[in-house]
């Protein structure tokens, strides 16, 4: 079951009933924008006990279109990777 931003805001409202919904949305947006800005600036984002987001460069290359067999140039691009912490790994895999 996927979790949406509105679901997370509802959970935060239950945990922090004294905060207004618009304030929780603003706090959440600020957090996401800071993560996005850091990744854009090629910085690691480490959330202790949860994991690390980091940017990895994929070099340009010649690839092949599987349908036609034609060679296509694929330009360099950046990907976002996530490595979970040992705590999160244990939580997910705990039976």
PDB file of N, CA and C in Angstrom:
ATOM      1  N   UNK A   1       0.833  -1.180   0.000  1.00  0.00           N
ATOM      2  CA  UNK A   1       0.000   0.000   0.000  1.00  0.00           C
ATOM      3  C   UNK A   1       0.880   1.246   0.000  1.00  0.00           C
ATOM      4  N   UNK A   2       0.779   2.084  -1.020  1.00  0.00           N
ATOM      5  CA  UNK A   2       1.605   3.291  -1.069  1.00  0.00           C
ATOM      6  C   UNK A   2       1.153   4.328  -0.037  1.00  0.00           C
ATOM      7  N   UNK A   3       2.082   5.131   0.400  1.00  0.00           N
ATOM      8  CA  UNK A   3       1.797   6.193   1.363  1.00  0.00           C
ATOM      9  C   UNK A   3       1.933   7.528   0.649  1.00  0.00           C
ATOM     10  N   UNK A   4       0.906   8.346   0.736  1.00  0.00           N
ATOM     11  CA  UNK A   4       0.944   9.648   0.087  1.00  0.00           C
ATOM     12  C   UNK A   4       1.307  10.738   1.096  1.00  0.00           C
ATOM     13  N   UNK A   5       1.578  11.910   0.569  1.00  0.00           N
ATOM     14  CA  UNK A   5       1.928  13.042   1.416  1.00  0.00           C
ATOM     15  C   UNK A   5       0.773  13.361   2.365  1.00  0.00           C
ATOM     16  N   UNK A   6      -0.448  13.295   1.880  1.00  0.00           N
ATOM     17  CA  UNK A   6      -1.604  13.596   2.733  1.00  0.00           C
ATOM     18  C   UNK A   6      -1.740  12.565   3.860  1.00  0.00           C
ATOM     19  N   UNK A   7      -1.400  11.294   3.575  1.00  0.00           N
ATOM     20  CA  UNK A   7      -1.425  10.267   4.626  1.00  0.00           C
ATOM     21  C   UNK A   7      -0.401  10.582   5.712  1.00  0.00           C
ATOM     22  N   UNK A   8       0.771  11.022   5.302  1.00  0.00           N
ATOM     23  CA  UNK A   8       1.806  11.369   6.277  1.00  0.00           C
ATOM     24  C   UNK A   8       1.380  12.572   7.120  1.00  0.00           C
ATOM     25  N   UNK A   9       0.749  13.555   6.488  1.00  0.00           N
ATOM     26  CA  UNK A   9       0.265  14.735   7.213  1.00  0.00           C
ATOM     27  C   UNK A   9      -0.798  14.314   8.232  1.00  0.00           C
ATOM     28  N   UNK A  10      -1.689  13.405   7.856  1.00  0.00           N
ATOM     29  CA  UNK A  10      -2.720  12.916   8.787  1.00  0.00           C
ATOM     30  C   UNK A  10      -2.084  12.217   9.986  1.00  0.00           C
ATOM     31  N   UNK A  11      -1.039  11.425   9.744  1.00  0.00           N
ATOM     32  CA  UNK A  11      -0.338  10.754  10.839  1.00  0.00           C
ATOM     33  C   UNK A  11       0.333  11.770  11.765  1.00  0.00           C
ATOM     34  N   UNK A  12       0.925  12.805  11.163  1.00  0.00           N
ATOM     35  CA  UNK A  12       1.556  13.846  11.974  1.00  0.00           C
ATOM     36  C   UNK A  12       0.518  14.596  12.806  1.00  0.00           C
ATOM     37  N   UNK A  13      -0.684  14.793  12.256  1.00  0.00           N
ATOM     38  CA  UNK A  13      -1.756  15.455  13.003  1.00  0.00           C
ATOM     39  C   UNK A  13      -2.152  14.641  14.225  1.00  0.00           C
ATOM     40  N   UNK A  14      -2.142  13.321  14.085  1.00  0.00           N
ATOM     41  CA  UNK A  14      -2.479  12.472  15.230  1.00  0.00           C
ATOM     42  C   UNK A  14      -1.405  12.547  16.313  1.00  0.00           C
ATOM     43  N   UNK A  15      -0.151  12.618  15.886  1.00  0.00           N
ATOM     44  CA  UNK A  15       0.960  12.665  16.836  1.00  0.00           C
ATOM     45  C   UNK A  15       1.075  14.045  17.492  1.00  0.00           C
ATOM     46  N   UNK A  16       0.851  15.108  16.690  1.00  0.00           N
ATOM     47  CA  UNK A  16       0.968  16.483  17.175  1.00  0.00           C
ATOM     48  C   UNK A  16      -0.370  17.217  17.010  1.00  0.00           C
ATOM     49  N   UNK A  17      -1.348  16.939  17.865  1.00  0.00           N
ATOM     50  CA  UNK A  17      -2.669  17.560  17.699  1.00  0.00           C
ATOM     51  C   UNK A  17      -2.679  19.063  17.956  1.00  0.00           C
ATOM     52  N   UNK A  18      -1.656  19.586  18.636  1.00  0.00           N
ATOM     53  CA  UNK A  18      -1.607  21.011  18.920  1.00  0.00           C
ATOM     54  C   UNK A  18      -1.114  21.847  17.733  1.00  0.00           C
ATOM     55  N   UNK A  19      -0.605  21.205  16.675  1.00  0.00           N
ATOM     56  CA  UNK A  19      -0.143  21.931  15.489  1.00  0.00           C
ATOM     57  C   UNK A  19      -1.248  21.956  14.433  1.00  0.00           C
ATOM     58  N   UNK A  20      -1.374  23.098  13.761  1.00  0.00           N
ATOM     59  CA  UNK A  20      -2.364  23.226  12.696  1.00  0.00           C
ATOM     60  C   UNK A  20      -1.925  22.445  11.465  1.00  0.00           C
ATOM     61  N   UNK A  21      -2.907  22.009  10.684  1.00  0.00           N
ATOM     62  CA  UNK A  21      -2.612  21.226   9.481  1.00  0.00           C
ATOM     63  C   UNK A  21      -1.759  22.029   8.505  1.00  0.00           C
ATOM     64  N   UNK A  22      -2.073  23.316   8.333  1.00  0.00           N
ATOM     65  CA  UNK A  22      -1.300  24.139   7.386  1.00  0.00           C
ATOM     66  C   UNK A  22       0.152  24.286   7.831  1.00  0.00           C
ATOM     67  N   UNK A  23       0.379  24.309   9.159  1.00  0.00           N
ATOM     68  CA  UNK A  23       1.753  24.385   9.664  1.00  0.00           C
ATOM     69  C   UNK A  23       2.504  23.086   9.405  1.00  0.00           C
ATOM     70  N   UNK A  24       1.823  21.951   9.595  1.00  0.00           N
ATOM     71  CA  UNK A  24       2.447  20.654   9.321  1.00  0.00           C
ATOM     72  C   UNK A  24       2.799  20.518   7.841  1.00  0.00           C
ATOM     73  N   UNK A  25       1.913  20.978   6.976  1.00  0.00           N
ATOM     74  CA  UNK A  25       2.173  20.931   5.530  1.00  0.00           C
ATOM     75  C   UNK A  25       3.388  21.788   5.194  1.00  0.00           C
ATOM     76  N   UNK A  26       3.454  22.984   5.794  1.00  0.00           N
ATOM     77  CA  UNK A  26       4.579  23.887   5.533  1.00  0.00           C
ATOM     78  C   UNK A  26       5.898  23.276   6.021  1.00  0.00           C
ATOM     79  N   UNK A  27       5.887  22.676   7.210  1.00  0.00           N
ATOM     80  CA  UNK A  27       7.087  22.035   7.758  1.00  0.00           C
ATOM     81  C   UNK A  27       7.538  20.893   6.851  1.00  0.00           C
ATOM     82  N   UNK A  28       6.576  20.090   6.409  1.00  0.00           N
ATOM     83  CA  UNK A  28       6.880  18.957   5.541  1.00  0.00           C
ATOM     84  C   UNK A  28       7.450  19.426   4.205  1.00  0.00           C
ATOM     85  N   UNK A  29       6.859  20.491   3.640  1.00  0.00           N
ATOM     86  CA  UNK A  29       7.361  21.042   2.373  1.00  0.00           C
ATOM     87  C   UNK A  29       8.771  21.601   2.522  1.00  0.00           C
ATOM     88  N   UNK A  30       9.035  22.270   3.633  1.00  0.00           N
ATOM     89  CA  UNK A  30      10.377  22.805   3.887  1.00  0.00           C
ATOM     90  C   UNK A  30      11.387  21.658   3.950  1.00  0.00           C
ATOM     91  N   UNK A  31      11.023  20.589   4.660  1.00  0.00           N
ATOM     92  CA  UNK A  31      11.903  19.431   4.772  1.00  0.00           C
ATOM     93  C   UNK A  31      12.214  18.843   3.397  1.00  0.00           C
ATOM     94  N   UNK A  32      11.169  18.611   2.592  1.00  0.00           N
ATOM     95  CA  UNK A  32      11.380  18.021   1.263  1.00  0.00           C
ATOM     96  C   UNK A  32      12.194  18.941   0.359  1.00  0.00           C
ATOM     97  N   UNK A  33      11.956  20.240   0.449  1.00  0.00           N
ATOM     98  CA  UNK A  33      12.724  21.183  -0.373  1.00  0.00           C
ATOM     99  C   UNK A  33      14.195  21.213   0.027  1.00  0.00           C
ATOM    100  N   UNK A  34      14.480  21.098   1.324  1.00  0.00           N
ATOM    101  CA  UNK A  34      15.874  21.050   1.776  1.00  0.00           C
ATOM    102  C   UNK A  34      16.570  19.791   1.272  1.00  0.00           C
ATOM    103  N   UNK A  35      15.867  18.663   1.303  1.00  0.00           N
ATOM    104  CA  UNK A  35      16.432  17.411   0.778  1.00  0.00           C
ATOM    105  C   UNK A  35      16.709  17.566  -0.717  1.00  0.00           C
ATOM    106  N   UNK A  36      15.733  18.122  -1.444  1.00  0.00           N
ATOM    107  CA  UNK A  36      15.884  18.308  -2.886  1.00  0.00           C
ATOM    108  C   UNK A  36      17.046  19.242  -3.217  1.00  0.00           C
ATOM    109  N   UNK A  37      17.161  20.344  -2.473  1.00  0.00           N
ATOM    110  CA  UNK A  37      18.241  21.305  -2.708  1.00  0.00           C
ATOM    111  C   UNK A  37      19.607  20.677  -2.432  1.00  0.00           C
ATOM    112  N   UNK A  38      19.697  19.926  -1.342  1.00  0.00           N
ATOM    113  CA  UNK A  38      20.974  19.270  -1.008  1.00  0.00           C
ATOM    114  C   UNK A  38      21.379  18.273  -2.081  1.00  0.00           C
ATOM    115  N   UNK A  39      20.432  17.489  -2.554  1.00  0.00           N
ATOM    116  CA  UNK A  39      20.746  16.511  -3.602  1.00  0.00           C
ATOM    117  C   UNK A  39      21.124  17.208  -4.909  1.00  0.00           C
ATOM    118  N   UNK A  40      20.470  18.313  -5.194  1.00  0.00           N
ATOM    119  CA  UNK A  40      20.808  19.073  -6.408  1.00  0.00           C
ATOM    120  C   UNK A  40      22.230  19.620  -6.322  1.00  0.00           C
ATOM    121  N   UNK A  41      22.662  19.974  -5.111  1.00  0.00           N
ATOM    122  CA  UNK A  41      24.016  20.485  -4.897  1.00  0.00           C
ATOM    123  C   UNK A  41      25.027  19.361  -4.683  1.00  0.00           C
ATOM    124  N   UNK A  42      24.632  18.129  -5.003  1.00  0.00           N
ATOM    125  CA  UNK A  42      25.470  16.940  -4.917  1.00  0.00           C
ATOM    126  C   UNK A  42      25.961  16.661  -3.498  1.00  0.00           C
ATOM    127  N   UNK A  43      25.113  16.966  -2.509  1.00  0.00           N
ATOM    128  CA  UNK A  43      25.429  16.668  -1.115  1.00  0.00           C
ATOM    129  C   UNK A  43      24.652  15.429  -0.680  1.00  0.00           C
ATOM    130  N   UNK A  44      25.209  14.691   0.271  1.00  0.00           N
ATOM    131  CA  UNK A  44      24.512  13.534   0.838  1.00  0.00           C
ATOM    132  C   UNK A  44      23.483  14.024   1.843  1.00  0.00           C
ATOM    133  N   UNK A  45      22.371  13.319   1.922  1.00  0.00           N
ATOM    134  CA  UNK A  45      21.352  13.608   2.928  1.00  0.00           C
ATOM    135  C   UNK A  45      21.255  12.376   3.820  1.00  0.00           C
ATOM    136  N   UNK A  46      21.678  12.530   5.066  1.00  0.00           N
ATOM    137  CA  UNK A  46      21.707  11.410   5.994  1.00  0.00           C
ATOM    138  C   UNK A  46      20.636  11.603   7.062  1.00  0.00           C
ATOM    139  N   UNK A  47      19.749  10.631   7.169  1.00  0.00           N
ATOM    140  CA  UNK A  47      18.720  10.630   8.205  1.00  0.00           C
ATOM    141  C   UNK A  47      19.048   9.483   9.140  1.00  0.00           C
ATOM    142  N   UNK A  48      19.588   9.798  10.305  1.00  0.00           N
ATOM    143  CA  UNK A  48      20.059   8.783  11.251  1.00  0.00           C
ATOM    144  C   UNK A  48      18.956   7.798  11.591  1.00  0.00           C
ATOM    145  N   UNK A  49      19.297   6.535  11.560  1.00  0.00           N
ATOM    146  CA  UNK A  49      18.348   5.483  11.880  1.00  0.00           C
ATOM    147  C   UNK A  49      17.418   5.141  10.725  1.00  0.00           C
ATOM    148  N   UNK A  50      17.589   5.851   9.612  1.00  0.00           N
ATOM    149  CA  UNK A  50      16.697   5.622   8.481  1.00  0.00           C
ATOM    150  C   UNK A  50      17.470   5.303   7.216  1.00  0.00           C
ATOM    151  N   UNK A  51      18.409   6.173   6.842  1.00  0.00           N
ATOM    152  CA  UNK A  51      19.217   5.901   5.663  1.00  0.00           C
ATOM    153  C   UNK A  51      19.865   7.141   5.087  1.00  0.00           C
ATOM    154  N   UNK A  52      20.464   6.964   3.913  1.00  0.00           N
ATOM    155  CA  UNK A  52      21.195   8.034   3.236  1.00  0.00           C
ATOM    156  C   UNK A  52      20.717   8.141   1.783  1.00  0.00           C
ATOM    157  N   UNK A  53      20.422   9.364   1.360  1.00  0.00           N
ATOM    158  CA  UNK A  53      20.157   9.659  -0.051  1.00  0.00           C
ATOM    159  C   UNK A  53      21.426  10.275  -0.620  1.00  0.00           C
ATOM    160  N   UNK A  54      21.824   9.843  -1.806  1.00  0.00           N
ATOM    161  CA  UNK A  54      22.993  10.426  -2.445  1.00  0.00           C
ATOM    162  C   UNK A  54      22.817  10.398  -3.961  1.00  0.00           C
ATOM    163  N   UNK A  55      23.583  11.263  -4.610  1.00  0.00           N
ATOM    164  CA  UNK A  55      23.500  11.385  -6.067  1.00  0.00           C
ATOM    165  C   UNK A  55      24.631  10.592  -6.707  1.00  0.00           C
ATOM    166  N   UNK A  56      24.312   9.893  -7.783  1.00  0.00           N
ATOM    167  CA  UNK A  56      25.317   9.125  -8.502  1.00  0.00           C
ATOM    168  C   UNK A  56      25.218   9.470  -9.983  1.00  0.00           C
ATOM    169  N   UNK A  57      26.370   9.687 -10.618  1.00  0.00           N
ATOM    170  CA  UNK A  57      26.403  10.068 -12.022  1.00  0.00           C
ATOM    171  C   UNK A  57      26.452   8.818 -12.897  1.00  0.00           C
ATOM    172  N   UNK A  58      25.615   8.805 -13.916  1.00  0.00           N
ATOM    173  CA  UNK A  58      25.652   7.724 -14.904  1.00  0.00           C
ATOM    174  C   UNK A  58      26.283   8.315 -16.166  1.00  0.00           C
ATOM    175  N   UNK A  59      27.408   7.764 -16.583  1.00  0.00           N
ATOM    176  CA  UNK A  59      28.131   8.293 -17.735  1.00  0.00           C
ATOM    177  C   UNK A  59      27.340   8.147 -19.028  1.00  0.00           C
ATOM    178  N   UNK A  60      27.677   9.010 -19.986  1.00  0.00           N
ATOM    179  CA  UNK A  60      27.039   8.899 -21.297  1.00  0.00           C
ATOM    180  C   UNK A  60      27.541   7.629 -21.982  1.00  0.00           C
ATOM    181  N   UNK A  61      26.710   7.094 -22.854  1.00  0.00           N
ATOM    182  CA  UNK A  61      27.085   5.835 -23.507  1.00  0.00           C
ATOM    183  C   UNK A  61      26.267   5.651 -24.767  1.00  0.00           C
ATOM    184  N   UNK A  62      26.705   4.716 -25.587  1.00  0.00           N
ATOM    185  CA  UNK A  62      25.921   4.308 -26.737  1.00  0.00           C
ATOM    186  C   UNK A  62      25.109   3.087 -26.320  1.00  0.00           C
ATOM    187  N   UNK A  63      23.809   3.181 -26.468  1.00  0.00           N
ATOM    188  CA  UNK A  63      22.944   2.057 -26.125  1.00  0.00           C
ATOM    189  C   UNK A  63      22.184   1.619 -27.364  1.00  0.00           C
ATOM    190  N   UNK A  64      21.375   0.596 -27.204  1.00  0.00           N
ATOM    191  CA  UNK A  64      20.686   0.033 -28.362  1.00  0.00           C
ATOM    192  C   UNK A  64      19.182   0.027 -28.103  1.00  0.00           C
ATOM    193  N   UNK A  65      18.418   0.437 -29.100  1.00  0.00           N
ATOM    194  CA  UNK A  65      16.967   0.357 -29.038  1.00  0.00           C
ATOM    195  C   UNK A  65      16.594  -1.108 -29.250  1.00  0.00           C
ATOM    196  N   UNK A  66      16.007  -1.778 -28.266  1.00  0.00           N
ATOM    197  CA  UNK A  66      15.744  -3.210 -28.398  1.00  0.00           C
ATOM    198  C   UNK A  66      14.710  -3.549 -29.477  1.00  0.00           C
ATOM    199  N   UNK A  67      13.853  -2.604 -29.792  1.00  0.00           N
ATOM    200  CA  UNK A  67      12.812  -2.871 -30.785  1.00  0.00           C
ATOM    201  C   UNK A  67      13.377  -2.856 -32.207  1.00  0.00           C
ATOM    202  N   UNK A  68      14.221  -1.844 -32.484  1.00  0.00           N
ATOM    203  CA  UNK A  68      14.728  -1.690 -33.851  1.00  0.00           C
ATOM    204  C   UNK A  68      16.173  -2.162 -34.013  1.00  0.00           C
ATOM    205  N   UNK A  69      16.902  -2.285 -32.904  1.00  0.00           N
ATOM    206  CA  UNK A  69      18.306  -2.661 -32.981  1.00  0.00           C
ATOM    207  C   UNK A  69      19.211  -1.483 -33.291  1.00  0.00           C
ATOM    208  N   UNK A  70      18.641  -0.297 -33.427  1.00  0.00           N
ATOM    209  CA  UNK A  70      19.376   0.912 -33.772  1.00  0.00           C
ATOM    210  C   UNK A  70      20.205   1.394 -32.582  1.00  0.00           C
ATOM    211  N   UNK A  71      21.430   1.873 -32.843  1.00  0.00           N
ATOM    212  CA  UNK A  71      22.292   2.422 -31.805  1.00  0.00           C
ATOM    213  C   UNK A  71      21.844   3.846 -31.495  1.00  0.00           C
ATOM    214  N   UNK A  72      21.707   4.130 -30.191  1.00  0.00           N
ATOM    215  CA  UNK A  72      21.229   5.441 -29.745  1.00  0.00           C
ATOM    216  C   UNK A  72      22.207   5.970 -28.709  1.00  0.00           C
ATOM    217  N   UNK A  73      22.524   7.272 -28.801  1.00  0.00           N
ATOM    218  CA  UNK A  73      23.398   7.896 -27.811  1.00  0.00           C
ATOM    219  C   UNK A  73      22.565   8.279 -26.595  1.00  0.00           C
ATOM    220  N   UNK A  74      22.996   7.837 -25.416  1.00  0.00           N
ATOM    221  CA  UNK A  74      22.329   8.180 -24.167  1.00  0.00           C
ATOM    222  C   UNK A  74      23.228   9.157 -23.424  1.00  0.00           C
ATOM    223  N   UNK A  75      22.752  10.396 -23.176  1.00  0.00           N
ATOM    224  CA  UNK A  75      23.605  11.385 -22.512  1.00  0.00           C
ATOM    225  C   UNK A  75      23.824  11.069 -21.037  1.00  0.00           C
ATOM    226  N   UNK A  76      24.805  11.742 -20.458  1.00  0.00           N
ATOM    227  CA  UNK A  76      25.100  11.594 -19.035  1.00  0.00           C
ATOM    228  C   UNK A  76      23.900  12.062 -18.218  1.00  0.00           C
ATOM    229  N   UNK A  77      23.630  11.361 -17.121  1.00  0.00           N
ATOM    230  CA  UNK A  77      22.539  11.788 -16.239  1.00  0.00           C
ATOM    231  C   UNK A  77      22.878  11.460 -14.802  1.00  0.00           C
ATOM    232  N   UNK A  78      22.137  12.074 -13.887  1.00  0.00           N
ATOM    233  CA  UNK A  78      22.347  11.862 -12.463  1.00  0.00           C
ATOM    234  C   UNK A  78      21.158  11.118 -11.892  1.00  0.00           C
ATOM    235  N   UNK A  79      21.434  10.145 -11.030  1.00  0.00           N
ATOM    236  CA  UNK A  79      20.403   9.356 -10.377  1.00  0.00           C
ATOM    237  C   UNK A  79      20.469   9.579  -8.875  1.00  0.00           C
ATOM    238  N   UNK A  80      19.325   9.442  -8.222  1.00  0.00           N
ATOM    239  CA  UNK A  80      19.271   9.511  -6.774  1.00  0.00           C
ATOM    240  C   UNK A  80      19.241   8.080  -6.245  1.00  0.00           C
ATOM    241  N   UNK A  81      20.146   7.760  -5.345  1.00  0.00           N
ATOM    242  CA  UNK A  81      20.202   6.438  -4.740  1.00  0.00           C
ATOM    243  C   UNK A  81      19.899   6.549  -3.254  1.00  0.00           C
ATOM    244  N   UNK A  82      19.419   5.466  -2.688  1.00  0.00           N
ATOM    245  CA  UNK A  82      19.104   5.415  -1.263  1.00  0.00           C
ATOM    246  C   UNK A  82      19.725   4.169  -0.667  1.00  0.00           C
ATOM    247  N   UNK A  83      20.412   4.342   0.438  1.00  0.00           N
ATOM    248  CA  UNK A  83      20.963   3.195   1.162  1.00  0.00           C
ATOM    249  C   UNK A  83      20.372   3.234   2.563  1.00  0.00           C
ATOM    250  N   UNK A  84      19.635   2.165   2.902  1.00  0.00           N
ATOM    251  CA  UNK A  84      18.987   2.142   4.211  1.00  0.00           C
ATOM    252  C   UNK A  84      19.975   1.846   5.320  1.00  0.00           C
ATOM    253  N   UNK A  85      19.636   2.313   6.515  1.00  0.00           N
ATOM    254  CA  UNK A  85      20.475   2.060   7.684  1.00  0.00           C
ATOM    255  C   UNK A  85      20.290   0.623   8.159  1.00  0.00           C
ATOM    256  N   UNK A  86      21.205   0.191   8.992  1.00  0.00           N
ATOM    257  CA  UNK A  86      21.099  -1.166   9.550  1.00  0.00           C
ATOM    258  C   UNK A  86      19.844  -1.289  10.406  1.00  0.00           C
ATOM    259  N   UNK A  87      19.487  -0.215  11.120  1.00  0.00           N
ATOM    260  CA  UNK A  87      18.281  -0.235  11.957  1.00  0.00           C
ATOM    261  C   UNK A  87      17.034  -0.471  11.117  1.00  0.00           C
ATOM    262  N   UNK A  88      16.913   0.265  10.016  1.00  0.00           N
ATOM    263  CA  UNK A  88      15.755   0.115   9.138  1.00  0.00           C
ATOM    264  C   UNK A  88      15.750  -1.268   8.504  1.00  0.00           C
ATOM    265  N   UNK A  89      16.924  -1.754   8.115  1.00  0.00           N
ATOM    266  CA  UNK A  89      17.032  -3.097   7.530  1.00  0.00           C
ATOM    267  C   UNK A  89      16.522  -4.153   8.505  1.00  0.00           C
ATOM    268  N   UNK A  90      16.949  -4.032   9.760  1.00  0.00           N
ATOM    269  CA  UNK A  90      16.514  -4.994  10.778  1.00  0.00           C
ATOM    270  C   UNK A  90      15.019  -4.880  11.031  1.00  0.00           C
ATOM    271  N   UNK A  91      14.488  -3.671  11.032  1.00  0.00           N
ATOM    272  CA  UNK A  91      13.055  -3.467  11.262  1.00  0.00           C
ATOM    273  C   UNK A  91      12.233  -4.086  10.138  1.00  0.00           C
ATOM    274  N   UNK A  92      12.660  -3.876   8.907  1.00  0.00           N
ATOM    275  CA  UNK A  92      11.931  -4.406   7.770  1.00  0.00           C
ATOM    276  C   UNK A  92      12.006  -5.931   7.710  1.00  0.00           C
ATOM    277  N   UNK A  93      13.162  -6.486   8.021  1.00  0.00           N
ATOM    278  CA  UNK A  93      13.375  -7.918   7.909  1.00  0.00           C
ATOM    279  C   UNK A  93      13.106  -8.693   9.185  1.00  0.00           C
ATOM    280  N   UNK A  94      12.682  -8.010  10.243  1.00  0.00           N
ATOM    281  CA  UNK A  94      12.363  -8.693  11.495  1.00  0.00           C
ATOM    282  C   UNK A  94      11.070  -9.468  11.341  1.00  0.00           C
ATOM    283  N   UNK A  95      11.084 -10.719  11.761  1.00  0.00           N
ATOM    284  CA  UNK A  95       9.890 -11.550  11.571  1.00  0.00           C
ATOM    285  C   UNK A  95       9.163 -11.740  12.867  1.00  0.00           C
TER     286      UNK A  95
END
